[in-house]
Amino acid sequence: MPHEMTLGEVYLPPLLVIAFIAYLVANGVSMMTAKLGGYQWIASPAIFELSLFVLISALLGLVIPIV
């Protein structure tokens, strides 16, 4: 179980890696939702994007061990 991940010679905490991956995935899902017209059904897009980021971060946290 890794406590830190390495990128070259730089140590990265797993939570930072999870947040970066979740940000990329959430932006991708948000762009697809906007392109398909899904934002017309969402009352508050900012809260939707934030909750999407939190949900993806939590799911990735189950896959990538934080501690």
PDB file of N, CA and C in Angstrom:
ATOM      1  N   MET A   1       0.840  -1.171   0.000  1.00  0.00           N
ATOM      2  CA  MET A   1       0.000   0.000   0.000  1.00  0.00           C
ATOM      3  C   MET A   1       0.895   1.248   0.000  1.00  0.00           C
ATOM      4  N   PRO A   2       0.894   2.037  -1.075  1.00  0.00           N
ATOM      5  CA  PRO A   2       1.800   3.186  -1.134  1.00  0.00           C
ATOM      6  C   PRO A   2       1.293   4.353  -0.289  1.00  0.00           C
ATOM      7  N   HIS A   3       2.232   4.971   0.429  1.00  0.00           N
ATOM      8  CA  HIS A   3       1.880   6.168   1.184  1.00  0.00           C
ATOM      9  C   HIS A   3       2.140   7.409   0.347  1.00  0.00           C
ATOM     10  N   GLU A   4       3.082   7.325  -0.559  1.00  0.00           N
ATOM     11  CA  GLU A   4       3.378   8.419  -1.473  1.00  0.00           C
ATOM     12  C   GLU A   4       3.640   7.833  -2.847  1.00  0.00           C
ATOM     13  N   MET A   5       3.284   8.585  -3.862  1.00  0.00           N
ATOM     14  CA  MET A   5       3.548   8.160  -5.229  1.00  0.00           C
ATOM     15  C   MET A   5       4.677   9.015  -5.777  1.00  0.00           C
ATOM     16  N   THR A   6       5.482   8.431  -6.633  1.00  0.00           N
ATOM     17  CA  THR A   6       6.608   9.179  -7.174  1.00  0.00           C
ATOM     18  C   THR A   6       6.395   9.462  -8.651  1.00  0.00           C
ATOM     19  N   LEU A   7       6.785  10.645  -9.045  1.00  0.00           N
ATOM     20  CA  LEU A   7       6.770  11.064 -10.434  1.00  0.00           C
ATOM     21  C   LEU A   7       8.174  11.572 -10.710  1.00  0.00           C
ATOM     22  N   GLY A   8       8.996  10.692 -11.252  1.00  0.00           N
ATOM     23  CA  GLY A   8      10.412  11.020 -11.378  1.00  0.00           C
ATOM     24  C   GLY A   8      11.032  10.942  -9.997  1.00  0.00           C
ATOM     25  N   GLU A   9      11.486  12.079  -9.501  1.00  0.00           N
ATOM     26  CA  GLU A   9      12.029  12.125  -8.149  1.00  0.00           C
ATOM     27  C   GLU A   9      11.194  13.001  -7.240  1.00  0.00           C
ATOM     28  N   VAL A  10       9.962  13.263  -7.638  1.00  0.00           N
ATOM     29  CA  VAL A  10       9.062  14.100  -6.852  1.00  0.00           C
ATOM     30  C   VAL A  10       8.037  13.199  -6.178  1.00  0.00           C
ATOM     31  N   TYR A  11       7.915  13.329  -4.867  1.00  0.00           N
ATOM     32  CA  TYR A  11       6.930  12.558  -4.118  1.00  0.00           C
ATOM     33  C   TYR A  11       5.605  13.311  -4.103  1.00  0.00           C
ATOM     34  N   LEU A  12       4.543  12.604  -4.453  1.00  0.00           N
ATOM     35  CA  LEU A  12       3.211  13.199  -4.485  1.00  0.00           C
ATOM     36  C   LEU A  12       2.302  12.458  -3.517  1.00  0.00           C
ATOM     37  N   PRO A  13       1.542  13.195  -2.710  1.00  0.00           N
ATOM     38  CA  PRO A  13       0.580  12.514  -1.844  1.00  0.00           C
ATOM     39  C   PRO A  13      -0.560  11.941  -2.680  1.00  0.00           C
ATOM     40  N   PRO A  14      -1.078  10.791  -2.299  1.00  0.00           N
ATOM     41  CA  PRO A  14      -2.141  10.163  -3.089  1.00  0.00           C
ATOM     42  C   PRO A  14      -3.395  11.029  -3.218  1.00  0.00           C
ATOM     43  N   LEU A  15      -3.688  11.845  -2.209  1.00  0.00           N
ATOM     44  CA  LEU A  15      -4.870  12.699  -2.288  1.00  0.00           C
ATOM     45  C   LEU A  15      -4.737  13.739  -3.398  1.00  0.00           C
ATOM     46  N   LEU A  16      -3.532  14.230  -3.632  1.00  0.00           N
ATOM     47  CA  LEU A  16      -3.300  15.175  -4.728  1.00  0.00           C
ATOM     48  C   LEU A  16      -3.501  14.495  -6.078  1.00  0.00           C
ATOM     49  N   VAL A  17      -3.036  13.275  -6.207  1.00  0.00           N
ATOM     50  CA  VAL A  17      -3.210  12.518  -7.447  1.00  0.00           C
ATOM     51  C   VAL A  17      -4.694  12.238  -7.683  1.00  0.00           C
ATOM     52  N   ILE A  18      -5.403  11.856  -6.621  1.00  0.00           N
ATOM     53  CA  ILE A  18      -6.839  11.594  -6.733  1.00  0.00           C
ATOM     54  C   ILE A  18      -7.580  12.859  -7.148  1.00  0.00           C
ATOM     55  N   ALA A  19      -7.234  13.990  -6.536  1.00  0.00           N
ATOM     56  CA  ALA A  19      -7.911  15.250  -6.866  1.00  0.00           C
ATOM     57  C   ALA A  19      -7.654  15.646  -8.314  1.00  0.00           C
ATOM     58  N   PHE A  20      -6.437  15.446  -8.806  1.00  0.00           N
ATOM     59  CA  PHE A  20      -6.110  15.797 -10.189  1.00  0.00           C
ATOM     60  C   PHE A  20      -6.885  14.925 -11.177  1.00  0.00           C
ATOM     61  N   ILE A  21      -6.910  13.624 -10.930  1.00  0.00           N
ATOM     62  CA  ILE A  21      -7.639  12.712 -11.822  1.00  0.00           C
ATOM     63  C   ILE A  21      -9.138  13.001 -11.763  1.00  0.00           C
ATOM     64  N   ALA A  22      -9.661  13.242 -10.563  1.00  0.00           N
ATOM     65  CA  ALA A  22     -11.091  13.541 -10.422  1.00  0.00           C
ATOM     66  C   ALA A  22     -11.450  14.844 -11.122  1.00  0.00           C
ATOM     67  N   TYR A  23     -10.564  15.827 -11.081  1.00  0.00           N
ATOM     68  CA  TYR A  23     -10.807  17.094 -11.775  1.00  0.00           C
ATOM     69  C   TYR A  23     -10.905  16.877 -13.281  1.00  0.00           C
ATOM     70  N   LEU A  24      -9.996  16.085 -13.826  1.00  0.00           N
ATOM     71  CA  LEU A  24     -10.025  15.815 -15.263  1.00  0.00           C
ATOM     72  C   LEU A  24     -11.287  15.051 -15.668  1.00  0.00           C
ATOM     73  N   VAL A  25     -11.639  14.039 -14.894  1.00  0.00           N
ATOM     74  CA  VAL A  25     -12.827  13.239 -15.216  1.00  0.00           C
ATOM     75  C   VAL A  25     -14.097  14.078 -15.058  1.00  0.00           C
ATOM     76  N   ALA A  26     -14.177  14.877 -13.994  1.00  0.00           N
ATOM     77  CA  ALA A  26     -15.363  15.707 -13.770  1.00  0.00           C
ATOM     78  C   ALA A  26     -15.518  16.748 -14.875  1.00  0.00           C
ATOM     79  N   ASN A  27     -14.414  17.326 -15.330  1.00  0.00           N
ATOM     80  CA  ASN A  27     -14.497  18.277 -16.440  1.00  0.00           C
ATOM     81  C   ASN A  27     -14.958  17.587 -17.715  1.00  0.00           C
ATOM     82  N   GLY A  28     -14.484  16.380 -17.954  1.00  0.00           N
ATOM     83  CA  GLY A  28     -14.926  15.633 -19.127  1.00  0.00           C
ATOM     84  C   GLY A  28     -16.416  15.327 -19.082  1.00  0.00           C
ATOM     85  N   VAL A  29     -16.893  14.880 -17.927  1.00  0.00           N
ATOM     86  CA  VAL A  29     -18.321  14.584 -17.781  1.00  0.00           C
ATOM     87  C   VAL A  29     -19.143  15.866 -17.905  1.00  0.00           C
ATOM     88  N   SER A  30     -18.634  16.952 -17.345  1.00  0.00           N
ATOM     89  CA  SER A  30     -19.340  18.232 -17.431  1.00  0.00           C
ATOM     90  C   SER A  30     -19.425  18.726 -18.873  1.00  0.00           C
ATOM     91  N   MET A  31     -18.349  18.568 -19.620  1.00  0.00           N
ATOM     92  CA  MET A  31     -18.371  18.974 -21.033  1.00  0.00           C
ATOM     93  C   MET A  31     -19.349  18.123 -21.838  1.00  0.00           C
ATOM     94  N   MET A  32     -19.365  16.818 -21.569  1.00  0.00           N
ATOM     95  CA  MET A  32     -20.314  15.949 -22.276  1.00  0.00           C
ATOM     96  C   MET A  32     -21.752  16.299 -21.906  1.00  0.00           C
ATOM     97  N   THR A  33     -21.980  16.623 -20.638  1.00  0.00           N
ATOM     98  CA  THR A  33     -23.323  17.012 -20.208  1.00  0.00           C
ATOM     99  C   THR A  33     -23.759  18.298 -20.903  1.00  0.00           C
ATOM    100  N   ALA A  34     -22.843  19.255 -21.013  1.00  0.00           N
ATOM    101  CA  ALA A  34     -23.171  20.517 -21.686  1.00  0.00           C
ATOM    102  C   ALA A  34     -23.410  20.298 -23.177  1.00  0.00           C
ATOM    103  N   LYS A  35     -22.588  19.461 -23.788  1.00  0.00           N
ATOM    104  CA  LYS A  35     -22.724  19.222 -25.226  1.00  0.00           C
ATOM    105  C   LYS A  35     -24.027  18.489 -25.556  1.00  0.00           C
ATOM    106  N   LEU A  36     -24.459  17.600 -24.675  1.00  0.00           N
ATOM    107  CA  LEU A  36     -25.687  16.841 -24.906  1.00  0.00           C
ATOM    108  C   LEU A  36     -26.938  17.580 -24.429  1.00  0.00           C
ATOM    109  N   GLY A  37     -26.762  18.777 -23.868  1.00  0.00           N
ATOM    110  CA  GLY A  37     -27.910  19.561 -23.429  1.00  0.00           C
ATOM    111  C   GLY A  37     -28.466  19.159 -22.080  1.00  0.00           C
ATOM    112  N   GLY A  38     -27.663  18.552 -21.262  1.00  0.00           N
ATOM    113  CA  GLY A  38     -28.137  18.101 -19.957  1.00  0.00           C
ATOM    114  C   GLY A  38     -28.252  19.207 -18.925  1.00  0.00           C
ATOM    115  N   TYR A  39     -27.614  20.351 -19.177  1.00  0.00           N
ATOM    116  CA  TYR A  39     -27.666  21.440 -18.204  1.00  0.00           C
ATOM    117  C   TYR A  39     -29.028  22.119 -18.149  1.00  0.00           C
ATOM    118  N   GLN A  40     -29.880  21.869 -19.106  1.00  0.00           N
ATOM    119  CA  GLN A  40     -31.224  22.439 -19.037  1.00  0.00           C
ATOM    120  C   GLN A  40     -32.052  21.771 -17.943  1.00  0.00           C
ATOM    121  N   TRP A  41     -31.638  20.604 -17.504  1.00  0.00           N
ATOM    122  CA  TRP A  41     -32.353  19.878 -16.456  1.00  0.00           C
ATOM    123  C   TRP A  41     -31.721  20.069 -15.080  1.00  0.00           C
ATOM    124  N   ILE A  42     -30.617  20.806 -15.008  1.00  0.00           N
ATOM    125  CA  ILE A  42     -29.890  20.991 -13.751  1.00  0.00           C
ATOM    126  C   ILE A  42     -30.167  22.400 -13.236  1.00  0.00           C
ATOM    127  N   ALA A  43     -30.636  22.509 -11.981  1.00  0.00           N
ATOM    128  CA  ALA A  43     -31.008  23.810 -11.423  1.00  0.00           C
ATOM    129  C   ALA A  43     -29.784  24.675 -11.128  1.00  0.00           C
ATOM    130  N   SER A  44     -28.740  24.083 -10.575  1.00  0.00           N
ATOM    131  CA  SER A  44     -27.540  24.843 -10.221  1.00  0.00           C
ATOM    132  C   SER A  44     -26.315  24.117 -10.774  1.00  0.00           C
ATOM    133  N   PRO A  45     -25.801  24.565 -11.913  1.00  0.00           N
ATOM    134  CA  PRO A  45     -24.661  23.879 -12.524  1.00  0.00           C
ATOM    135  C   PRO A  45     -23.398  23.880 -11.663  1.00  0.00           C
ATOM    136  N   ALA A  46     -23.181  24.936 -10.885  1.00  0.00           N
ATOM    137  CA  ALA A  46     -21.982  24.991 -10.047  1.00  0.00           C
ATOM    138  C   ALA A  46     -22.021  23.913  -8.963  1.00  0.00           C
ATOM    139  N   ILE A  47     -23.171  23.738  -8.344  1.00  0.00           N
ATOM    140  CA  ILE A  47     -23.308  22.702  -7.316  1.00  0.00           C
ATOM    141  C   ILE A  47     -23.210  21.319  -7.950  1.00  0.00           C
ATOM    142  N   PHE A  48     -23.741  21.166  -9.153  1.00  0.00           N
ATOM    143  CA  PHE A  48     -23.633  19.895  -9.870  1.00  0.00           C
ATOM    144  C   PHE A  48     -22.171  19.542 -10.137  1.00  0.00           C
ATOM    145  N   GLU A  49     -21.388  20.519 -10.610  1.00  0.00           N
ATOM    146  CA  GLU A  49     -19.977  20.248 -10.911  1.00  0.00           C
ATOM    147  C   GLU A  49     -19.186  19.946  -9.648  1.00  0.00           C
ATOM    148  N   LEU A  50     -19.466  20.670  -8.564  1.00  0.00           N
ATOM    149  CA  LEU A  50     -18.773  20.414  -7.304  1.00  0.00           C
ATOM    150  C   LEU A  50     -19.115  19.030  -6.762  1.00  0.00           C
ATOM    151  N   SER A  51     -20.395  18.675  -6.785  1.00  0.00           N
ATOM    152  CA  SER A  51     -20.787  17.357  -6.279  1.00  0.00           C
ATOM    153  C   SER A  51     -20.257  16.234  -7.162  1.00  0.00           C
ATOM    154  N   LEU A  52     -20.150  16.488  -8.453  1.00  0.00           N
ATOM    155  CA  LEU A  52     -19.567  15.500  -9.359  1.00  0.00           C
ATOM    156  C   LEU A  52     -18.094  15.271  -9.019  1.00  0.00           C
ATOM    157  N   PHE A  53     -17.372  16.359  -8.741  1.00  0.00           N
ATOM    158  CA  PHE A  53     -15.965  16.255  -8.347  1.00  0.00           C
ATOM    159  C   PHE A  53     -15.817  15.482  -7.040  1.00  0.00           C
ATOM    160  N   VAL A  54     -16.661  15.780  -6.066  1.00  0.00           N
ATOM    161  CA  VAL A  54     -16.594  15.087  -4.772  1.00  0.00           C
ATOM    162  C   VAL A  54     -16.923  13.607  -4.931  1.00  0.00           C
ATOM    163  N   LEU A  55     -17.928  13.293  -5.727  1.00  0.00           N
ATOM    164  CA  LEU A  55     -18.325  11.903  -5.946  1.00  0.00           C
ATOM    165  C   LEU A  55     -17.215  11.111  -6.636  1.00  0.00           C
ATOM    166  N   ILE A  56     -16.616  11.682  -7.665  1.00  0.00           N
ATOM    167  CA  ILE A  56     -15.539  10.991  -8.376  1.00  0.00           C
ATOM    168  C   ILE A  56     -14.318  10.849  -7.476  1.00  0.00           C
ATOM    169  N   SER A  57     -14.024  11.872  -6.660  1.00  0.00           N
ATOM    170  CA  SER A  57     -12.905  11.776  -5.722  1.00  0.00           C
ATOM    171  C   SER A  57     -13.123  10.652  -4.719  1.00  0.00           C
ATOM    172  N   ALA A  58     -14.338  10.530  -4.222  1.00  0.00           N
ATOM    173  CA  ALA A  58     -14.637   9.467  -3.258  1.00  0.00           C
ATOM    174  C   ALA A  58     -14.510   8.092  -3.897  1.00  0.00           C
ATOM    175  N   LEU A  59     -14.990   7.953  -5.122  1.00  0.00           N
ATOM    176  CA  LEU A  59     -14.880   6.656  -5.803  1.00  0.00           C
ATOM    177  C   LEU A  59     -13.427   6.311  -6.109  1.00  0.00           C
ATOM    178  N   LEU A  60     -12.641   7.297  -6.507  1.00  0.00           N
ATOM    179  CA  LEU A  60     -11.220   7.037  -6.747  1.00  0.00           C
ATOM    180  C   LEU A  60     -10.484   6.742  -5.447  1.00  0.00           C
ATOM    181  N   GLY A  61     -10.938   7.344  -4.347  1.00  0.00           N
ATOM    182  CA  GLY A  61     -10.336   7.071  -3.047  1.00  0.00           C
ATOM    183  C   GLY A  61     -10.522   5.630  -2.613  1.00  0.00           C
ATOM    184  N   LEU A  62     -11.570   4.996  -3.102  1.00  0.00           N
ATOM    185  CA  LEU A  62     -11.760   3.576  -2.802  1.00  0.00           C
ATOM    186  C   LEU A  62     -10.786   2.705  -3.585  1.00  0.00           C
ATOM    187  N   VAL A  63     -10.377   3.185  -4.765  1.00  0.00           N
ATOM    188  CA  VAL A  63      -9.484   2.410  -5.626  1.00  0.00           C
ATOM    189  C   VAL A  63      -8.020   2.673  -5.273  1.00  0.00           C
ATOM    190  N   ILE A  64      -7.677   3.947  -5.089  1.00  0.00           N
ATOM    191  CA  ILE A  64      -6.303   4.326  -4.753  1.00  0.00           C
ATOM    192  C   ILE A  64      -6.243   4.535  -3.243  1.00  0.00           C
ATOM    193  N   PRO A  65      -5.463   3.754  -2.527  1.00  0.00           N
ATOM    194  CA  PRO A  65      -5.405   3.914  -1.070  1.00  0.00           C
ATOM    195  C   PRO A  65      -4.735   5.232  -0.681  1.00  0.00           C
ATOM    196  N   ILE A  66      -5.380   5.968   0.227  1.00  0.00           N
ATOM    197  CA  ILE A  66      -4.850   7.263   0.652  1.00  0.00           C
ATOM    198  C   ILE A  66      -3.832   7.081   1.768  1.00  0.00           C
ATOM    199  N   VAL A  67      -4.087   6.171   2.700  1.00  0.00           N
ATOM    200  CA  VAL A  67      -3.159   5.979   3.822  1.00  0.00           C
ATOM    201  C   VAL A  67      -2.595   4.589   3.771  1.00  0.00           C
TER     202      VAL A  67
END
